[in-house]
Amino acid sequence: MSIALFDEPPRVTFEIPSAARGSRVGLMVGMIINDLTPYGICVLEDGTLSVVHGSQITVSWRYNPETDRWADSDAQEGVQEG
């Protein structure tokens, strides 16, 4: 088993809210890889921690290699986050 923690946790959306105790969004503060299966260590909307299967998580940011920046997936084009 391997564990990684993130300095700047990405915002995530849960594909099936029941997998994250009813939460729809959260922050992924780390990951666990167990037998090649990824799990996210997530802070849920109510502030609790949960371990969520990787197939139930979508990172809400996209990388733009032209600008070398990350952008919020929900933001309109041209709006960049640092």
C-alpha atoms as a PDB file:
ATOM      1  CA  MET A   1       0.000   0.000   0.000  1.00  0.00           C
ATOM      2  CA  SER A   2       1.220   3.498  -0.893  1.00  0.00           C
ATOM      3  CA  ILE A   3      -0.108   6.791   0.446  1.00  0.00           C
ATOM      4  CA  ALA A   4       0.434  10.273  -1.031  1.00  0.00           C
ATOM      5  CA  LEU A   5      -0.763  13.552   0.498  1.00  0.00           C
ATOM      6  CA  PHE A   6      -1.240  16.747  -1.535  1.00  0.00           C
ATOM      7  CA  ASP A   7       0.001  20.223  -0.561  1.00  0.00           C
ATOM      8  CA  GLU A   8      -2.794  21.809  -2.581  1.00  0.00           C
ATOM      9  CA  PRO A   9      -5.771  19.425  -2.610  1.00  0.00           C
ATOM     10  CA  PRO A  10      -7.747  19.377  -5.863  1.00  0.00           C
ATOM     11  CA  ARG A  11     -11.498  19.905  -5.814  1.00  0.00           C
ATOM     12  CA  VAL A  12     -13.342  16.726  -6.766  1.00  0.00           C
ATOM     13  CA  THR A  13     -16.855  15.722  -7.767  1.00  0.00           C
ATOM     14  CA  PHE A  14     -18.243  12.380  -6.650  1.00  0.00           C
ATOM     15  CA  GLU A  15     -19.882  10.347  -9.431  1.00  0.00           C
ATOM     16  CA  ILE A  16     -22.245   8.620  -7.005  1.00  0.00           C
ATOM     17  CA  PRO A  17     -22.912  10.838  -3.974  1.00  0.00           C
ATOM     18  CA  SER A  18     -23.863   7.838  -1.841  1.00  0.00           C
ATOM     19  CA  ALA A  19     -20.247   6.642  -2.226  1.00  0.00           C
ATOM     20  CA  ALA A  20     -19.220   9.806  -0.343  1.00  0.00           C
ATOM     21  CA  ARG A  21     -21.978   9.767   2.269  1.00  0.00           C
ATOM     22  CA  GLY A  22     -24.267  11.971   0.187  1.00  0.00           C
ATOM     23  CA  SER A  23     -21.667  14.615  -0.698  1.00  0.00           C
ATOM     24  CA  ARG A  24     -21.493  15.854  -4.277  1.00  0.00           C
ATOM     25  CA  VAL A  25     -18.171  17.736  -4.037  1.00  0.00           C
ATOM     26  CA  GLY A  26     -15.134  17.772  -1.799  1.00  0.00           C
ATOM     27  CA  LEU A  27     -11.371  18.118  -1.636  1.00  0.00           C
ATOM     28  CA  MET A  28      -8.999  15.220  -2.208  1.00  0.00           C
ATOM     29  CA  VAL A  29      -6.215  15.641   0.347  1.00  0.00           C
ATOM     30  CA  GLY A  30      -4.416  12.450  -0.643  1.00  0.00           C
ATOM     31  CA  MET A  31      -4.524   9.085  -2.345  1.00  0.00           C
ATOM     32  CA  ILE A  32      -4.061   5.484  -1.294  1.00  0.00           C
ATOM     33  CA  ILE A  33      -3.008   2.835  -3.805  1.00  0.00           C
ATOM     34  CA  ASN A  34      -3.784  -0.663  -2.575  1.00  0.00           C
ATOM     35  CA  ASP A  35      -3.238  -3.646  -4.913  1.00  0.00           C
ATOM     36  CA  LEU A  36      -3.158  -1.207  -7.893  1.00  0.00           C
ATOM     37  CA  THR A  37      -6.579   0.185  -6.907  1.00  0.00           C
ATOM     38  CA  PRO A  38      -6.698   3.970  -6.245  1.00  0.00           C
ATOM     39  CA  TYR A  39      -8.702   5.494  -3.402  1.00  0.00           C
ATOM     40  CA  GLY A  40      -9.037   9.201  -2.649  1.00  0.00           C
ATOM     41  CA  ILE A  41      -8.717  10.534   0.887  1.00  0.00           C
ATOM     42  CA  CYS A  42     -11.388  13.222   0.715  1.00  0.00           C
ATOM     43  CA  VAL A  43     -12.767  15.996   2.887  1.00  0.00           C
ATOM     44  CA  LEU A  44     -16.518  15.985   2.331  1.00  0.00           C
ATOM     45  CA  GLU A  45     -18.952  18.919   2.285  1.00  0.00           C
ATOM     46  CA  ASP A  46     -19.740  18.480   5.987  1.00  0.00           C
ATOM     47  CA  GLY A  47     -16.030  18.491   6.907  1.00  0.00           C
ATOM     48  CA  THR A  48     -15.680  14.766   7.557  1.00  0.00           C
ATOM     49  CA  LEU A  49     -12.954  12.605   6.041  1.00  0.00           C
ATOM     50  CA  SER A  50     -13.754   9.637   3.848  1.00  0.00           C
ATOM     51  CA  VAL A  51     -11.876   7.176   1.659  1.00  0.00           C
ATOM     52  CA  VAL A  52     -13.604   7.001  -1.740  1.00  0.00           C
ATOM     53  CA  HIS A  53     -12.876   4.529  -4.560  1.00  0.00           C
ATOM     54  CA  GLY A  54     -11.019   6.226  -7.422  1.00  0.00           C
ATOM     55  CA  SER A  55     -13.688   5.299  -9.967  1.00  0.00           C
ATOM     56  CA  GLN A  56     -16.169   7.497  -8.068  1.00  0.00           C
ATOM     57  CA  ILE A  57     -14.007  10.666  -8.224  1.00  0.00           C
ATOM     58  CA  THR A  58     -13.642  13.271 -10.968  1.00  0.00           C
ATOM     59  CA  VAL A  59     -11.033  16.000 -10.489  1.00  0.00           C
ATOM     60  CA  SER A  60     -12.737  19.336 -11.212  1.00  0.00           C
ATOM     61  CA  TRP A  61      -9.675  20.929 -12.811  1.00  0.00           C
ATOM     62  CA  ARG A  62      -8.117  20.574 -16.232  1.00  0.00           C
ATOM     63  CA  TYR A  63      -4.545  21.292 -17.289  1.00  0.00           C
ATOM     64  CA  ASN A  64      -3.881  23.558 -20.281  1.00  0.00           C
ATOM     65  CA  PRO A  65      -0.376  22.830 -21.622  1.00  0.00           C
ATOM     66  CA  GLU A  66      -0.399  25.995 -23.778  1.00  0.00           C
ATOM     67  CA  THR A  67      -0.583  28.262 -20.733  1.00  0.00           C
ATOM     68  CA  ASP A  68       0.993  25.798 -18.264  1.00  0.00           C
ATOM     69  CA  ARG A  69      -1.920  26.443 -15.902  1.00  0.00           C
ATOM     70  CA  TRP A  70      -4.823  24.622 -14.298  1.00  0.00           C
ATOM     71  CA  ALA A  71      -8.370  25.854 -14.877  1.00  0.00           C
ATOM     72  CA  ASP A  72     -11.626  25.099 -13.097  1.00  0.00           C
ATOM     73  CA  SER A  73     -13.644  22.736 -15.295  1.00  0.00           C
ATOM     74  CA  ASP A  74     -16.786  24.785 -14.597  1.00  0.00           C
ATOM     75  CA  ALA A  75     -15.179  28.126 -15.501  1.00  0.00           C
ATOM     76  CA  GLN A  76     -15.823  29.793 -18.826  1.00  0.00           C
ATOM     77  CA  GLU A  77     -13.033  29.710 -21.425  1.00  0.00           C
ATOM     78  CA  GLY A  78     -10.393  32.364 -20.866  1.00  0.00           C
ATOM     79  CA  VAL A  79     -10.740  32.331 -17.083  1.00  0.00           C
ATOM     80  CA  GLN A  80      -7.568  30.876 -15.610  1.00  0.00           C
ATOM     81  CA  GLU A  81      -6.738  29.909 -12.062  1.00  0.00           C
ATOM     82  CA  GLY A  82      -3.173  29.999 -10.778  1.00  0.00           C
END
